[in-house]
Amino acid sequence: MSATEQRFFCYLLECSDGSFYAGWTTDLQKRLSAHNAGRGARYTRSRLPVRLVYFEELPNRSAAQRREAALKKLTHAQKEQLVTK
């Protein structure tokens, strides 16, 4: 797959303690597996298992990173609202 064909996603995981984790990736399934195998972010390692509750596709890496930053700034309640839409 060339760089022009690559897909970029921003996602929210719900951790076992009810908290949310925001991230971005080019492969949702592979990233979710990495998180649940303890090879993801340090934040999720102590809150396993995690489950994918929201994602959106973005046009490029920089848009995905900007969206991730915006998701991280949301309150817990705002993230819950996003997930239940």
PDB file of N, CA and C in Angstrom:
ATOM      1  N   MET A   1       0.849  -1.176   0.000  1.00  0.00           N
ATOM      2  CA  MET A   1       0.000   0.000   0.000  1.00  0.00           C
ATOM      3  C   MET A   1       0.894   1.239   0.000  1.00  0.00           C
ATOM      4  N   SER A   2       0.666   2.132  -0.916  1.00  0.00           N
ATOM      5  CA  SER A   2       1.486   3.340  -0.993  1.00  0.00           C
ATOM      6  C   SER A   2       1.008   4.359   0.032  1.00  0.00           C
ATOM      7  N   ALA A   3       1.828   5.379   0.237  1.00  0.00           N
ATOM      8  CA  ALA A   3       1.487   6.408   1.223  1.00  0.00           C
ATOM      9  C   ALA A   3       0.179   7.107   0.853  1.00  0.00           C
ATOM     10  N   THR A   4      -0.096   7.230  -0.436  1.00  0.00           N
ATOM     11  CA  THR A   4      -1.332   7.893  -0.847  1.00  0.00           C
ATOM     12  C   THR A   4      -2.554   7.017  -0.600  1.00  0.00           C
ATOM     13  N   GLU A   5      -2.356   5.701  -0.485  1.00  0.00           N
ATOM     14  CA  GLU A   5      -3.468   4.789  -0.225  1.00  0.00           C
ATOM     15  C   GLU A   5      -3.640   4.494   1.260  1.00  0.00           C
ATOM     16  N   GLN A   6      -2.703   4.914   2.074  1.00  0.00           N
ATOM     17  CA  GLN A   6      -2.753   4.606   3.499  1.00  0.00           C
ATOM     18  C   GLN A   6      -3.945   5.290   4.153  1.00  0.00           C
ATOM     19  N   ARG A   7      -4.547   4.586   5.093  1.00  0.00           N
ATOM     20  CA  ARG A   7      -5.700   5.119   5.816  1.00  0.00           C
ATOM     21  C   ARG A   7      -5.250   5.529   7.214  1.00  0.00           C
ATOM     22  N   PHE A   8      -5.867   6.576   7.722  1.00  0.00           N
ATOM     23  CA  PHE A   8      -5.520   7.112   9.040  1.00  0.00           C
ATOM     24  C   PHE A   8      -6.784   7.194   9.880  1.00  0.00           C
ATOM     25  N   PHE A   9      -6.673   6.709  11.122  1.00  0.00           N
ATOM     26  CA  PHE A   9      -7.810   6.667  12.023  1.00  0.00           C
ATOM     27  C   PHE A   9      -7.472   7.311  13.356  1.00  0.00           C
ATOM     28  N   CYS A  10      -8.461   7.936  13.945  1.00  0.00           N
ATOM     29  CA  CYS A  10      -8.388   8.396  15.320  1.00  0.00           C
ATOM     30  C   CYS A  10      -9.401   7.534  16.063  1.00  0.00           C
ATOM     31  N   TYR A  11      -9.084   7.137  17.289  1.00  0.00           N
ATOM     32  CA  TYR A  11      -9.957   6.195  17.977  1.00  0.00           C
ATOM     33  C   TYR A  11     -10.033   6.481  19.473  1.00  0.00           C
ATOM     34  N   LEU A  12     -11.076   5.940  20.083  1.00  0.00           N
ATOM     35  CA  LEU A  12     -11.236   5.965  21.540  1.00  0.00           C
ATOM     36  C   LEU A  12     -11.376   4.532  22.014  1.00  0.00           C
ATOM     37  N   LEU A  13     -10.628   4.207  23.053  1.00  0.00           N
ATOM     38  CA  LEU A  13     -10.753   2.914  23.719  1.00  0.00           C
ATOM     39  C   LEU A  13     -11.408   3.143  25.065  1.00  0.00           C
ATOM     40  N   GLU A  14     -12.238   2.202  25.476  1.00  0.00           N
ATOM     41  CA  GLU A  14     -12.741   2.218  26.846  1.00  0.00           C
ATOM     42  C   GLU A  14     -11.938   1.195  27.618  1.00  0.00           C
ATOM     43  N   CYS A  15     -11.329   1.638  28.695  1.00  0.00           N
ATOM     44  CA  CYS A  15     -10.495   0.767  29.525  1.00  0.00           C
ATOM     45  C   CYS A  15     -11.354   0.044  30.559  1.00  0.00           C
ATOM     46  N   SER A  16     -10.805  -0.983  31.170  1.00  0.00           N
ATOM     47  CA  SER A  16     -11.551  -1.790  32.142  1.00  0.00           C
ATOM     48  C   SER A  16     -12.010  -0.984  33.356  1.00  0.00           C
ATOM     49  N   ASP A  17     -11.338   0.140  33.646  1.00  0.00           N
ATOM     50  CA  ASP A  17     -11.748   0.975  34.778  1.00  0.00           C
ATOM     51  C   ASP A  17     -12.767   2.039  34.379  1.00  0.00           C
ATOM     52  N   GLY A  18     -13.223   2.006  33.114  1.00  0.00           N
ATOM     53  CA  GLY A  18     -14.230   2.961  32.656  1.00  0.00           C
ATOM     54  C   GLY A  18     -13.652   4.232  32.062  1.00  0.00           C
ATOM     55  N   SER A  19     -12.346   4.391  32.114  1.00  0.00           N
ATOM     56  CA  SER A  19     -11.719   5.578  31.528  1.00  0.00           C
ATOM     57  C   SER A  19     -11.573   5.391  30.018  1.00  0.00           C
ATOM     58  N   PHE A  20     -11.272   6.487  29.333  1.00  0.00           N
ATOM     59  CA  PHE A  20     -11.101   6.452  27.890  1.00  0.00           C
ATOM     60  C   PHE A  20      -9.666   6.787  27.521  1.00  0.00           C
ATOM     61  N   TYR A  21      -9.212   6.207  26.425  1.00  0.00           N
ATOM     62  CA  TYR A  21      -7.887   6.490  25.879  1.00  0.00           C
ATOM     63  C   TYR A  21      -8.066   6.858  24.413  1.00  0.00           C
ATOM     64  N   ALA A  22      -7.486   7.983  23.993  1.00  0.00           N
ATOM     65  CA  ALA A  22      -7.550   8.419  22.598  1.00  0.00           C
ATOM     66  C   ALA A  22      -6.205   8.186  21.931  1.00  0.00           C
ATOM     67  N   GLY A  23      -6.248   7.770  20.680  1.00  0.00           N
ATOM     68  CA  GLY A  23      -5.028   7.562  19.925  1.00  0.00           C
ATOM     69  C   GLY A  23      -5.300   7.656  18.434  1.00  0.00           C
ATOM     70  N   TRP A  24      -4.260   7.458  17.646  1.00  0.00           N
ATOM     71  CA  TRP A  24      -4.415   7.412  16.188  1.00  0.00           C
ATOM     72  C   TRP A  24      -3.577   6.256  15.655  1.00  0.00           C
ATOM     73  N   THR A  25      -3.947   5.753  14.493  1.00  0.00           N
ATOM     74  CA  THR A  25      -3.264   4.609  13.903  1.00  0.00           C
ATOM     75  C   THR A  25      -3.581   4.509  12.418  1.00  0.00           C
ATOM     76  N   THR A  26      -2.853   3.649  11.741  1.00  0.00           N
ATOM     77  CA  THR A  26      -3.166   3.331  10.345  1.00  0.00           C
ATOM     78  C   THR A  26      -3.821   1.952  10.245  1.00  0.00           C
ATOM     79  N   ASP A  27      -3.865   1.213  11.350  1.00  0.00           N
ATOM     80  CA  ASP A  27      -4.448  -0.135  11.362  1.00  0.00           C
ATOM     81  C   ASP A  27      -5.156  -0.361  12.699  1.00  0.00           C
ATOM     82  N   LEU A  28      -6.459  -0.178  12.699  1.00  0.00           N
ATOM     83  CA  LEU A  28      -7.229  -0.264  13.947  1.00  0.00           C
ATOM     84  C   LEU A  28      -7.120  -1.627  14.626  1.00  0.00           C
ATOM     85  N   GLN A  29      -7.278  -2.695  13.858  1.00  0.00           N
ATOM     86  CA  GLN A  29      -7.281  -4.029  14.451  1.00  0.00           C
ATOM     87  C   GLN A  29      -5.914  -4.361  15.070  1.00  0.00           C
ATOM     88  N   LYS A  30      -4.860  -4.044  14.350  1.00  0.00           N
ATOM     89  CA  LYS A  30      -3.510  -4.311  14.843  1.00  0.00           C
ATOM     90  C   LYS A  30      -3.218  -3.491  16.111  1.00  0.00           C
ATOM     91  N   ARG A  31      -3.660  -2.239  16.118  1.00  0.00           N
ATOM     92  CA  ARG A  31      -3.416  -1.375  17.277  1.00  0.00           C
ATOM     93  C   ARG A  31      -4.213  -1.850  18.492  1.00  0.00           C
ATOM     94  N   LEU A  32      -5.461  -2.249  18.286  1.00  0.00           N
ATOM     95  CA  LEU A  32      -6.275  -2.758  19.388  1.00  0.00           C
ATOM     96  C   LEU A  32      -5.643  -4.023  19.975  1.00  0.00           C
ATOM     97  N   SER A  33      -5.173  -4.896  19.099  1.00  0.00           N
ATOM     98  CA  SER A  33      -4.503  -6.121  19.564  1.00  0.00           C
ATOM     99  C   SER A  33      -3.255  -5.787  20.368  1.00  0.00           C
ATOM    100  N   ALA A  34      -2.494  -4.800  19.907  1.00  0.00           N
ATOM    101  CA  ALA A  34      -1.281  -4.390  20.626  1.00  0.00           C
ATOM    102  C   ALA A  34      -1.630  -3.861  22.013  1.00  0.00           C
ATOM    103  N   HIS A  35      -2.662  -3.019  22.090  1.00  0.00           N
ATOM    104  CA  HIS A  35      -3.083  -2.499  23.402  1.00  0.00           C
ATOM    105  C   HIS A  35      -3.456  -3.651  24.329  1.00  0.00           C
ATOM    106  N   ASN A  36      -4.272  -4.581  23.849  1.00  0.00           N
ATOM    107  CA  ASN A  36      -4.737  -5.671  24.704  1.00  0.00           C
ATOM    108  C   ASN A  36      -3.647  -6.683  25.035  1.00  0.00           C
ATOM    109  N   ALA A  37      -2.566  -6.676  24.273  1.00  0.00           N
ATOM    110  CA  ALA A  37      -1.434  -7.560  24.565  1.00  0.00           C
ATOM    111  C   ALA A  37      -0.427  -6.876  25.486  1.00  0.00           C
ATOM    112  N   GLY A  38      -0.737  -5.655  25.925  1.00  0.00           N
ATOM    113  CA  GLY A  38       0.169  -4.929  26.817  1.00  0.00           C
ATOM    114  C   GLY A  38       1.304  -4.243  26.082  1.00  0.00           C
ATOM    115  N   ARG A  39       1.217  -4.166  24.753  1.00  0.00           N
ATOM    116  CA  ARG A  39       2.261  -3.508  23.965  1.00  0.00           C
ATOM    117  C   ARG A  39       1.800  -2.150  23.447  1.00  0.00           C
ATOM    118  N   GLY A  40       0.685  -1.660  23.973  1.00  0.00           N
ATOM    119  CA  GLY A  40       0.167  -0.359  23.564  1.00  0.00           C
ATOM    120  C   GLY A  40       0.744   0.728  24.445  1.00  0.00           C
ATOM    121  N   ALA A  41      -0.042   1.725  24.661  1.00  0.00           N
ATOM    122  CA  ALA A  41       0.380   2.856  25.493  1.00  0.00           C
ATOM    123  C   ALA A  41       0.528   2.433  26.956  1.00  0.00           C
ATOM    124  N   ARG A  42       1.402   3.089  27.645  1.00  0.00           N
ATOM    125  CA  ARG A  42       1.599   2.818  29.074  1.00  0.00           C
ATOM    126  C   ARG A  42       0.286   2.975  29.841  1.00  0.00           C
ATOM    127  N   TYR A  43      -0.513   3.966  29.457  1.00  0.00           N
ATOM    128  CA  TYR A  43      -1.785   4.228  30.145  1.00  0.00           C
ATOM    129  C   TYR A  43      -2.690   3.001  30.118  1.00  0.00           C
ATOM    130  N   THR A  44      -2.766   2.331  28.977  1.00  0.00           N
ATOM    131  CA  THR A  44      -3.705   1.210  28.860  1.00  0.00           C
ATOM    132  C   THR A  44      -3.186  -0.081  29.479  1.00  0.00           C
ATOM    133  N   ARG A  45      -1.887  -0.207  29.652  1.00  0.00           N
ATOM    134  CA  ARG A  45      -1.309  -1.469  30.165  1.00  0.00           C
ATOM    135  C   ARG A  45      -1.861  -1.884  31.510  1.00  0.00           C
ATOM    136  N   SER A  46      -2.143  -0.907  32.365  1.00  0.00           N
ATOM    137  CA  SER A  46      -2.649  -1.242  33.705  1.00  0.00           C
ATOM    138  C   SER A  46      -4.174  -1.217  33.759  1.00  0.00           C
ATOM    139  N   ARG A  47      -4.810  -1.040  32.605  1.00  0.00           N
ATOM    140  CA  ARG A  47      -6.267  -0.935  32.562  1.00  0.00           C
ATOM    141  C   ARG A  47      -6.878  -1.908  31.551  1.00  0.00           C
ATOM    142  N   LEU A  48      -6.267  -3.070  31.421  1.00  0.00           N
ATOM    143  CA  LEU A  48      -6.716  -4.067  30.453  1.00  0.00           C
ATOM    144  C   LEU A  48      -7.879  -4.872  31.003  1.00  0.00           C
ATOM    145  N   PRO A  49      -8.745  -5.401  30.157  1.00  0.00           N
ATOM    146  CA  PRO A  49      -8.726  -5.239  28.709  1.00  0.00           C
ATOM    147  C   PRO A  49      -9.331  -3.903  28.290  1.00  0.00           C
ATOM    148  N   VAL A  50      -9.036  -3.516  27.073  1.00  0.00           N
ATOM    149  CA  VAL A  50      -9.631  -2.310  26.497  1.00  0.00           C
ATOM    150  C   VAL A  50     -10.495  -2.726  25.314  1.00  0.00           C
ATOM    151  N   ARG A  51     -11.471  -1.893  24.996  1.00  0.00           N
ATOM    152  CA  ARG A  51     -12.281  -2.188  23.813  1.00  0.00           C
ATOM    153  C   ARG A  51     -12.467  -0.921  22.991  1.00  0.00           C
ATOM    154  N   LEU A  52     -12.503  -1.105  21.698  1.00  0.00           N
ATOM    155  CA  LEU A  52     -12.683   0.002  20.768  1.00  0.00           C
ATOM    156  C   LEU A  52     -14.139   0.440  20.827  1.00  0.00           C
ATOM    157  N   VAL A  53     -14.377   1.717  21.165  1.00  0.00           N
ATOM    158  CA  VAL A  53     -15.755   2.199  21.276  1.00  0.00           C
ATOM    159  C   VAL A  53     -16.073   3.297  20.264  1.00  0.00           C
ATOM    160  N   TYR A  54     -15.049   3.857  19.614  1.00  0.00           N
ATOM    161  CA  TYR A  54     -15.278   4.931  18.646  1.00  0.00           C
ATOM    162  C   TYR A  54     -14.062   5.053  17.743  1.00  0.00           C
ATOM    163  N   PHE A  55     -14.311   5.330  16.476  1.00  0.00           N
ATOM    164  CA  PHE A  55     -13.213   5.660  15.566  1.00  0.00           C
ATOM    165  C   PHE A  55     -13.748   6.481  14.411  1.00  0.00           C
ATOM    166  N   GLU A  56     -12.866   7.214  13.794  1.00  0.00           N
ATOM    167  CA  GLU A  56     -13.201   7.952  12.585  1.00  0.00           C
ATOM    168  C   GLU A  56     -11.989   7.944  11.664  1.00  0.00           C
ATOM    169  N   GLU A  57     -12.256   7.917  10.371  1.00  0.00           N
ATOM    170  CA  GLU A  57     -11.174   7.948   9.392  1.00  0.00           C
ATOM    171  C   GLU A  57     -10.898   9.397   9.020  1.00  0.00           C
ATOM    172  N   LEU A  58      -9.618   9.720   8.911  1.00  0.00           N
ATOM    173  CA  LEU A  58      -9.207  11.077   8.559  1.00  0.00           C
ATOM    174  C   LEU A  58      -8.332  11.047   7.309  1.00  0.00           C
ATOM    175  N   PRO A  59      -8.210  12.182   6.625  1.00  0.00           N
ATOM    176  CA  PRO A  59      -7.541  12.186   5.325  1.00  0.00           C
ATOM    177  C   PRO A  59      -6.026  11.994   5.356  1.00  0.00           C
ATOM    178  N   ASN A  60      -5.389  12.335   6.476  1.00  0.00           N
ATOM    179  CA  ASN A  60      -3.930  12.219   6.533  1.00  0.00           C
ATOM    180  C   ASN A  60      -3.467  12.132   7.977  1.00  0.00           C
ATOM    181  N   ARG A  61      -2.179  11.889   8.139  1.00  0.00           N
ATOM    182  CA  ARG A  61      -1.600  11.702   9.472  1.00  0.00           C
ATOM    183  C   ARG A  61      -1.770  12.942  10.346  1.00  0.00           C
ATOM    184  N   SER A  62      -1.511  14.099   9.774  1.00  0.00           N
ATOM    185  CA  SER A  62      -1.580  15.307  10.585  1.00  0.00           C
ATOM    186  C   SER A  62      -3.011  15.575  11.061  1.00  0.00           C
ATOM    187  N   ALA A  63      -4.009  15.291  10.226  1.00  0.00           N
ATOM    188  CA  ALA A  63      -5.407  15.454  10.642  1.00  0.00           C
ATOM    189  C   ALA A  63      -5.748  14.464  11.756  1.00  0.00           C
ATOM    190  N   ALA A  64      -5.240  13.243  11.646  1.00  0.00           N
ATOM    191  CA  ALA A  64      -5.485  12.241  12.686  1.00  0.00           C
ATOM    192  C   ALA A  64      -4.853  12.665  14.010  1.00  0.00           C
ATOM    193  N   GLN A  65      -3.653  13.211  13.956  1.00  0.00           N
ATOM    194  CA  GLN A  65      -2.982  13.654  15.178  1.00  0.00           C
ATOM    195  C   GLN A  65      -3.693  14.866  15.793  1.00  0.00           C
ATOM    196  N   ARG A  66      -4.193  15.762  14.949  1.00  0.00           N
ATOM    197  CA  ARG A  66      -4.936  16.918  15.464  1.00  0.00           C
ATOM    198  C   ARG A  66      -6.233  16.462  16.126  1.00  0.00           C
ATOM    199  N   ARG A  67      -6.913  15.506  15.504  1.00  0.00           N
ATOM    200  CA  ARG A  67      -8.168  15.008  16.065  1.00  0.00           C
ATOM    201  C   ARG A  67      -7.916  14.270  17.376  1.00  0.00           C
ATOM    202  N   GLU A  68      -6.827  13.514  17.433  1.00  0.00           N
ATOM    203  CA  GLU A  68      -6.456  12.838  18.682  1.00  0.00           C
ATOM    204  C   GLU A  68      -6.267  13.863  19.795  1.00  0.00           C
ATOM    205  N   ALA A  69      -5.551  14.941  19.506  1.00  0.00           N
ATOM    206  CA  ALA A  69      -5.319  15.989  20.511  1.00  0.00           C
ATOM    207  C   ALA A  69      -6.646  16.599  20.964  1.00  0.00           C
ATOM    208  N   ALA A  70      -7.562  16.798  20.023  1.00  0.00           N
ATOM    209  CA  ALA A  70      -8.872  17.359  20.377  1.00  0.00           C
ATOM    210  C   ALA A  70      -9.661  16.394  21.248  1.00  0.00           C
ATOM    211  N   LEU A  71      -9.614  15.098  20.931  1.00  0.00           N
ATOM    212  CA  LEU A  71     -10.323  14.100  21.739  1.00  0.00           C
ATOM    213  C   LEU A  71      -9.765  14.042  23.154  1.00  0.00           C
ATOM    214  N   LYS A  72      -8.453  14.151  23.285  1.00  0.00           N
ATOM    215  CA  LYS A  72      -7.831  14.085  24.604  1.00  0.00           C
ATOM    216  C   LYS A  72      -8.261  15.246  25.491  1.00  0.00           C
ATOM    217  N   LYS A  73      -8.654  16.367  24.888  1.00  0.00           N
ATOM    218  CA  LYS A  73      -9.070  17.548  25.656  1.00  0.00           C
ATOM    219  C   LYS A  73     -10.520  17.468  26.122  1.00  0.00           C
ATOM    220  N   LEU A  74     -11.291  16.527  25.566  1.00  0.00           N
ATOM    221  CA  LEU A  74     -12.689  16.399  25.971  1.00  0.00           C
ATOM    222  C   LEU A  74     -12.794  15.853  27.384  1.00  0.00           C
ATOM    223  N   THR A  75     -13.860  16.225  28.063  1.00  0.00           N
ATOM    224  CA  THR A  75     -14.114  15.669  29.393  1.00  0.00           C
ATOM    225  C   THR A  75     -14.608  14.230  29.233  1.00  0.00           C
ATOM    226  N   HIS A  76     -14.633  13.507  30.329  1.00  0.00           N
ATOM    227  CA  HIS A  76     -15.126  12.126  30.302  1.00  0.00           C
ATOM    228  C   HIS A  76     -16.566  12.099  29.782  1.00  0.00           C
ATOM    229  N   ALA A  77     -17.384  13.030  30.267  1.00  0.00           N
ATOM    230  CA  ALA A  77     -18.791  13.089  29.849  1.00  0.00           C
ATOM    231  C   ALA A  77     -18.911  13.377  28.353  1.00  0.00           C
ATOM    232  N   GLN A  78     -18.078  14.253  27.833  1.00  0.00           N
ATOM    233  CA  GLN A  78     -18.114  14.558  26.405  1.00  0.00           C
ATOM    234  C   GLN A  78     -17.702  13.339  25.577  1.00  0.00           C
ATOM    235  N   LYS A  79     -16.714  12.586  26.059  1.00  0.00           N
ATOM    236  CA  LYS A  79     -16.299  11.369  25.363  1.00  0.00           C
ATOM    237  C   LYS A  79     -17.432  10.343  25.385  1.00  0.00           C
ATOM    238  N   GLU A  80     -18.129  10.222  26.511  1.00  0.00           N
ATOM    239  CA  GLU A  80     -19.269   9.301  26.595  1.00  0.00           C
ATOM    240  C   GLU A  80     -20.350   9.680  25.598  1.00  0.00           C
ATOM    241  N   GLN A  81     -20.615  10.984  25.466  1.00  0.00           N
ATOM    242  CA  GLN A  81     -21.603  11.451  24.508  1.00  0.00           C
ATOM    243  C   GLN A  81     -21.205  11.097  23.080  1.00  0.00           C
ATOM    244  N   LEU A  82     -19.947  11.261  22.757  1.00  0.00           N
ATOM    245  CA  LEU A  82     -19.438  10.935  21.429  1.00  0.00           C
ATOM    246  C   LEU A  82     -19.612   9.451  21.124  1.00  0.00           C
ATOM    247  N   VAL A  83     -19.351   8.629  22.118  1.00  0.00           N
ATOM    248  CA  VAL A  83     -19.443   7.181  21.958  1.00  0.00           C
ATOM    249  C   VAL A  83     -20.888   6.726  21.765  1.00  0.00           C
ATOM    250  N   THR A  84     -21.824   7.392  22.393  1.00  0.00           N
ATOM    251  CA  THR A  84     -23.229   6.952  22.338  1.00  0.00           C
ATOM    252  C   THR A  84     -24.008   7.557  21.175  1.00  0.00           C
ATOM    253  N   LYS A  85     -23.398   8.412  20.378  1.00  0.00           N
ATOM    254  CA  LYS A  85     -24.100   9.002  19.219  1.00  0.00           C
ATOM    255  C   LYS A  85     -24.407   7.975  18.184  1.00  0.00           C
TER     256      LYS A  85
END
